[in-house]
């Protein structure tokens, strides 16, 4: 039985945002999977497009390494407040597509700052075939 969108998204959150484990993240994708951040300009520290599981593994490992130990989120001056952050998954007419609407809350110098983003997931055989991550690139470093 294939994993549900909730299960896939939970694994994705754990591998990416919570543990920053590029290997675990890459394994969630199909061999030819694509991870896109269409609003990210070329040359940004966050990759704008990674095609193929191995490119996702290498690209995200490089990103995690460059940003290791650094604060995350809004303009890299904050830390995630998991308790205040949240998301809603939206199911579509296509059972292989779901949308995640996410509000990540950061503590930035004692102030609460929310970064809202949308991710569109297209699945194939229980893995992510395409992930489009829409966020304001100036909020991450």
C-alpha atoms as a PDB file:
ATOM      1  CA  UNK A   1       0.000   0.000   0.000  1.00  0.00           C
ATOM      2  CA  UNK A   2       1.335   3.434  -0.944  1.00  0.00           C
ATOM      3  CA  UNK A   3       1.990   6.069   1.660  1.00  0.00           C
ATOM      4  CA  UNK A   4      -0.637   8.752   2.127  1.00  0.00           C
ATOM      5  CA  UNK A   5       0.087  12.408   1.344  1.00  0.00           C
ATOM      6  CA  UNK A   6       0.138  13.048   5.113  1.00  0.00           C
ATOM      7  CA  UNK A   7       2.786  10.347   5.611  1.00  0.00           C
ATOM      8  CA  UNK A   8       4.892  11.550   2.686  1.00  0.00           C
ATOM      9  CA  UNK A   9       4.683  15.146   3.864  1.00  0.00           C
ATOM     10  CA  UNK A  10       5.601  14.116   7.410  1.00  0.00           C
ATOM     11  CA  UNK A  11       8.683  12.278   6.123  1.00  0.00           C
ATOM     12  CA  UNK A  12       9.546  15.261   3.946  1.00  0.00           C
ATOM     13  CA  UNK A  13       9.327  17.669   6.912  1.00  0.00           C
ATOM     14  CA  UNK A  14      11.440  15.395   9.080  1.00  0.00           C
ATOM     15  CA  UNK A  15      14.137  14.822   6.438  1.00  0.00           C
ATOM     16  CA  UNK A  16      14.321  18.427   5.271  1.00  0.00           C
ATOM     17  CA  UNK A  17      13.256  21.123   7.701  1.00  0.00           C
ATOM     18  CA  UNK A  18      13.783  19.243  10.952  1.00  0.00           C
ATOM     19  CA  UNK A  19      16.882  17.072  10.510  1.00  0.00           C
ATOM     20  CA  UNK A  20      18.369  18.513   7.294  1.00  0.00           C
ATOM     21  CA  UNK A  21      19.251  14.988   6.142  1.00  0.00           C
ATOM     22  CA  UNK A  22      19.964  15.206   2.405  1.00  0.00           C
ATOM     23  CA  UNK A  23      20.141  11.416   2.023  1.00  0.00           C
ATOM     24  CA  UNK A  24      16.742  10.862   3.642  1.00  0.00           C
ATOM     25  CA  UNK A  25      15.270  13.745   1.660  1.00  0.00           C
ATOM     26  CA  UNK A  26      16.582  12.416  -1.651  1.00  0.00           C
ATOM     27  CA  UNK A  27      15.186   8.948  -0.946  1.00  0.00           C
ATOM     28  CA  UNK A  28      11.667  10.425  -0.847  1.00  0.00           C
ATOM     29  CA  UNK A  29      11.986  11.293  -4.555  1.00  0.00           C
ATOM     30  CA  UNK A  30      11.677   9.094  -7.611  1.00  0.00           C
ATOM     31  CA  UNK A  31      14.954   8.374  -9.415  1.00  0.00           C
ATOM     32  CA  UNK A  32      14.071  11.117 -11.934  1.00  0.00           C
ATOM     33  CA  UNK A  33      12.372  13.381  -9.379  1.00  0.00           C
ATOM     34  CA  UNK A  34      12.601  17.156  -9.612  1.00  0.00           C
ATOM     35  CA  UNK A  35      12.817  19.674  -6.772  1.00  0.00           C
ATOM     36  CA  UNK A  36      12.062  23.205  -7.969  1.00  0.00           C
ATOM     37  CA  UNK A  37      11.950  26.550  -6.213  1.00  0.00           C
ATOM     38  CA  UNK A  38      10.647  28.691  -9.101  1.00  0.00           C
ATOM     39  CA  UNK A  39      10.938  32.021  -7.274  1.00  0.00           C
ATOM     40  CA  UNK A  40      14.612  31.533  -6.368  1.00  0.00           C
ATOM     41  CA  UNK A  41      16.978  33.439  -8.664  1.00  0.00           C
ATOM     42  CA  UNK A  42      20.062  31.840 -10.198  1.00  0.00           C
ATOM     43  CA  UNK A  43      23.079  32.005  -7.939  1.00  0.00           C
ATOM     44  CA  UNK A  44      21.053  32.014  -4.704  1.00  0.00           C
ATOM     45  CA  UNK A  45      22.346  29.831  -1.862  1.00  0.00           C
ATOM     46  CA  UNK A  46      19.111  27.781  -2.053  1.00  0.00           C
ATOM     47  CA  UNK A  47      19.021  25.741  -5.281  1.00  0.00           C
ATOM     48  CA  UNK A  48      16.346  26.763  -7.765  1.00  0.00           C
ATOM     49  CA  UNK A  49      16.129  23.403  -9.581  1.00  0.00           C
ATOM     50  CA  UNK A  50      17.522  19.975  -8.903  1.00  0.00           C
ATOM     51  CA  UNK A  51      16.682  17.183 -11.367  1.00  0.00           C
ATOM     52  CA  UNK A  52      17.217  13.552 -10.394  1.00  0.00           C
ATOM     53  CA  UNK A  53      17.524  11.904  -6.983  1.00  0.00           C
ATOM     54  CA  UNK A  54      21.325  12.174  -6.948  1.00  0.00           C
ATOM     55  CA  UNK A  55      21.252  15.863  -7.876  1.00  0.00           C
ATOM     56  CA  UNK A  56      18.736  16.444  -5.076  1.00  0.00           C
ATOM     57  CA  UNK A  57      20.983  14.560  -2.646  1.00  0.00           C
ATOM     58  CA  UNK A  58      24.108  16.518  -3.667  1.00  0.00           C
ATOM     59  CA  UNK A  59      22.408  19.901  -4.001  1.00  0.00           C
ATOM     60  CA  UNK A  60      20.628  19.757  -0.663  1.00  0.00           C
ATOM     61  CA  UNK A  61      23.713  18.332   1.106  1.00  0.00           C
ATOM     62  CA  UNK A  62      25.696  21.314  -0.210  1.00  0.00           C
ATOM     63  CA  UNK A  63      22.975  23.731   0.910  1.00  0.00           C
ATOM     64  CA  UNK A  64      22.756  22.158   4.372  1.00  0.00           C
ATOM     65  CA  UNK A  65      26.552  22.215   4.703  1.00  0.00           C
ATOM     66  CA  UNK A  66      26.781  25.905   3.673  1.00  0.00           C
ATOM     67  CA  UNK A  67      24.109  26.836   6.196  1.00  0.00           C
ATOM     68  CA  UNK A  68      25.087  24.423   9.010  1.00  0.00           C
ATOM     69  CA  UNK A  69      24.838  26.017  12.405  1.00  0.00           C
ATOM     70  CA  UNK A  70      23.507  29.251  10.960  1.00  0.00           C
ATOM     71  CA  UNK A  71      20.139  30.623  12.022  1.00  0.00           C
ATOM     72  CA  UNK A  72      17.375  29.692   9.602  1.00  0.00           C
ATOM     73  CA  UNK A  73      14.700  31.779   8.142  1.00  0.00           C
ATOM     74  CA  UNK A  74      13.699  35.227   7.695  1.00  0.00           C
ATOM     75  CA  UNK A  75      16.879  36.607   6.318  1.00  0.00           C
ATOM     76  CA  UNK A  76      18.768  33.951   8.329  1.00  0.00           C
ATOM     77  CA  UNK A  77      18.370  35.789  11.581  1.00  0.00           C
ATOM     78  CA  UNK A  78      15.924  33.485  13.280  1.00  0.00           C
ATOM     79  CA  UNK A  79      15.234  30.057  14.653  1.00  0.00           C
ATOM     80  CA  UNK A  80      12.130  27.995  13.933  1.00  0.00           C
ATOM     81  CA  UNK A  81       9.456  27.896  16.617  1.00  0.00           C
ATOM     82  CA  UNK A  82       8.008  24.466  15.837  1.00  0.00           C
ATOM     83  CA  UNK A  83       5.205  24.835  18.391  1.00  0.00           C
ATOM     84  CA  UNK A  84       3.842  27.938  16.649  1.00  0.00           C
ATOM     85  CA  UNK A  85       4.422  26.756  13.076  1.00  0.00           C
ATOM     86  CA  UNK A  86       1.765  24.870  11.163  1.00  0.00           C
ATOM     87  CA  UNK A  87       0.525  23.576   7.867  1.00  0.00           C
ATOM     88  CA  UNK A  88      -2.579  22.454   6.030  1.00  0.00           C
ATOM     89  CA  UNK A  89      -2.565  19.795   3.341  1.00  0.00           C
ATOM     90  CA  UNK A  90      -4.992  20.267   0.474  1.00  0.00           C
ATOM     91  CA  UNK A  91      -6.010  17.220  -1.513  1.00  0.00           C
ATOM     92  CA  UNK A  92      -6.819  17.644  -5.187  1.00  0.00           C
ATOM     93  CA  UNK A  93      -8.989  15.784  -7.680  1.00  0.00           C
ATOM     94  CA  UNK A  94      -5.797  14.009  -8.751  1.00  0.00           C
ATOM     95  CA  UNK A  95      -4.813  11.539  -5.989  1.00  0.00           C
ATOM     96  CA  UNK A  96      -1.167  11.914  -7.019  1.00  0.00           C
ATOM     97  CA  UNK A  97      -1.139  15.676  -6.321  1.00  0.00           C
ATOM     98  CA  UNK A  98      -1.434  17.528  -3.029  1.00  0.00           C
ATOM     99  CA  UNK A  99      -0.638  21.043  -1.889  1.00  0.00           C
ATOM    100  CA  UNK A 100       0.940  22.059   1.404  1.00  0.00           C
ATOM    101  CA  UNK A 101       0.159  25.515   2.752  1.00  0.00           C
ATOM    102  CA  UNK A 102       2.789  26.250   5.406  1.00  0.00           C
ATOM    103  CA  UNK A 103       3.310  28.980   7.976  1.00  0.00           C
ATOM    104  CA  UNK A 104       6.741  28.663   9.553  1.00  0.00           C
ATOM    105  CA  UNK A 105       7.154  30.836  12.623  1.00  0.00           C
ATOM    106  CA  UNK A 106      10.588  32.155  13.557  1.00  0.00           C
ATOM    107  CA  UNK A 107      11.929  33.897  16.605  1.00  0.00           C
ATOM    108  CA  UNK A 108      14.027  36.755  15.242  1.00  0.00           C
ATOM    109  CA  UNK A 109      15.712  38.793  17.966  1.00  0.00           C
ATOM    110  CA  UNK A 110      12.784  38.222  20.325  1.00  0.00           C
ATOM    111  CA  UNK A 111      10.124  38.991  17.703  1.00  0.00           C
ATOM    112  CA  UNK A 112       7.807  36.527  16.016  1.00  0.00           C
ATOM    113  CA  UNK A 113       8.090  36.486  12.222  1.00  0.00           C
ATOM    114  CA  UNK A 114       5.999  34.208   9.996  1.00  0.00           C
ATOM    115  CA  UNK A 115       7.201  32.916   6.636  1.00  0.00           C
ATOM    116  CA  UNK A 116       4.320  31.609   4.531  1.00  0.00           C
ATOM    117  CA  UNK A 117       4.928  29.294   1.618  1.00  0.00           C
ATOM    118  CA  UNK A 118       3.187  26.833  -0.656  1.00  0.00           C
ATOM    119  CA  UNK A 119       4.507  23.533  -1.914  1.00  0.00           C
ATOM    120  CA  UNK A 120       2.945  21.457  -4.666  1.00  0.00           C
ATOM    121  CA  UNK A 121       3.715  17.744  -4.605  1.00  0.00           C
ATOM    122  CA  UNK A 122       3.237  15.385  -7.551  1.00  0.00           C
ATOM    123  CA  UNK A 123       3.674  11.723  -6.599  1.00  0.00           C
ATOM    124  CA  UNK A 124       4.445   8.566  -8.523  1.00  0.00           C
ATOM    125  CA  UNK A 125       4.527   5.101  -6.980  1.00  0.00           C
ATOM    126  CA  UNK A 126       4.586   6.511  -3.442  1.00  0.00           C
ATOM    127  CA  UNK A 127       7.512   8.870  -4.032  1.00  0.00           C
ATOM    128  CA  UNK A 128       7.795  12.540  -4.930  1.00  0.00           C
ATOM    129  CA  UNK A 129       8.159  12.940  -8.695  1.00  0.00           C
ATOM    130  CA  UNK A 130       7.940  16.751  -8.626  1.00  0.00           C
ATOM    131  CA  UNK A 131       8.026  19.230  -5.787  1.00  0.00           C
ATOM    132  CA  UNK A 132       7.524  22.922  -6.454  1.00  0.00           C
ATOM    133  CA  UNK A 133       8.429  25.054  -3.448  1.00  0.00           C
ATOM    134  CA  UNK A 134       7.087  28.625  -3.607  1.00  0.00           C
ATOM    135  CA  UNK A 135       8.579  30.991  -1.031  1.00  0.00           C
ATOM    136  CA  UNK A 136      10.164  34.439  -0.938  1.00  0.00           C
ATOM    137  CA  UNK A 137      13.871  33.725  -1.528  1.00  0.00           C
ATOM    138  CA  UNK A 138      14.974  36.817   0.395  1.00  0.00           C
ATOM    139  CA  UNK A 139      13.715  35.169   3.591  1.00  0.00           C
ATOM    140  CA  UNK A 140      16.321  32.375   3.593  1.00  0.00           C
ATOM    141  CA  UNK A 141      20.084  32.272   3.390  1.00  0.00           C
END
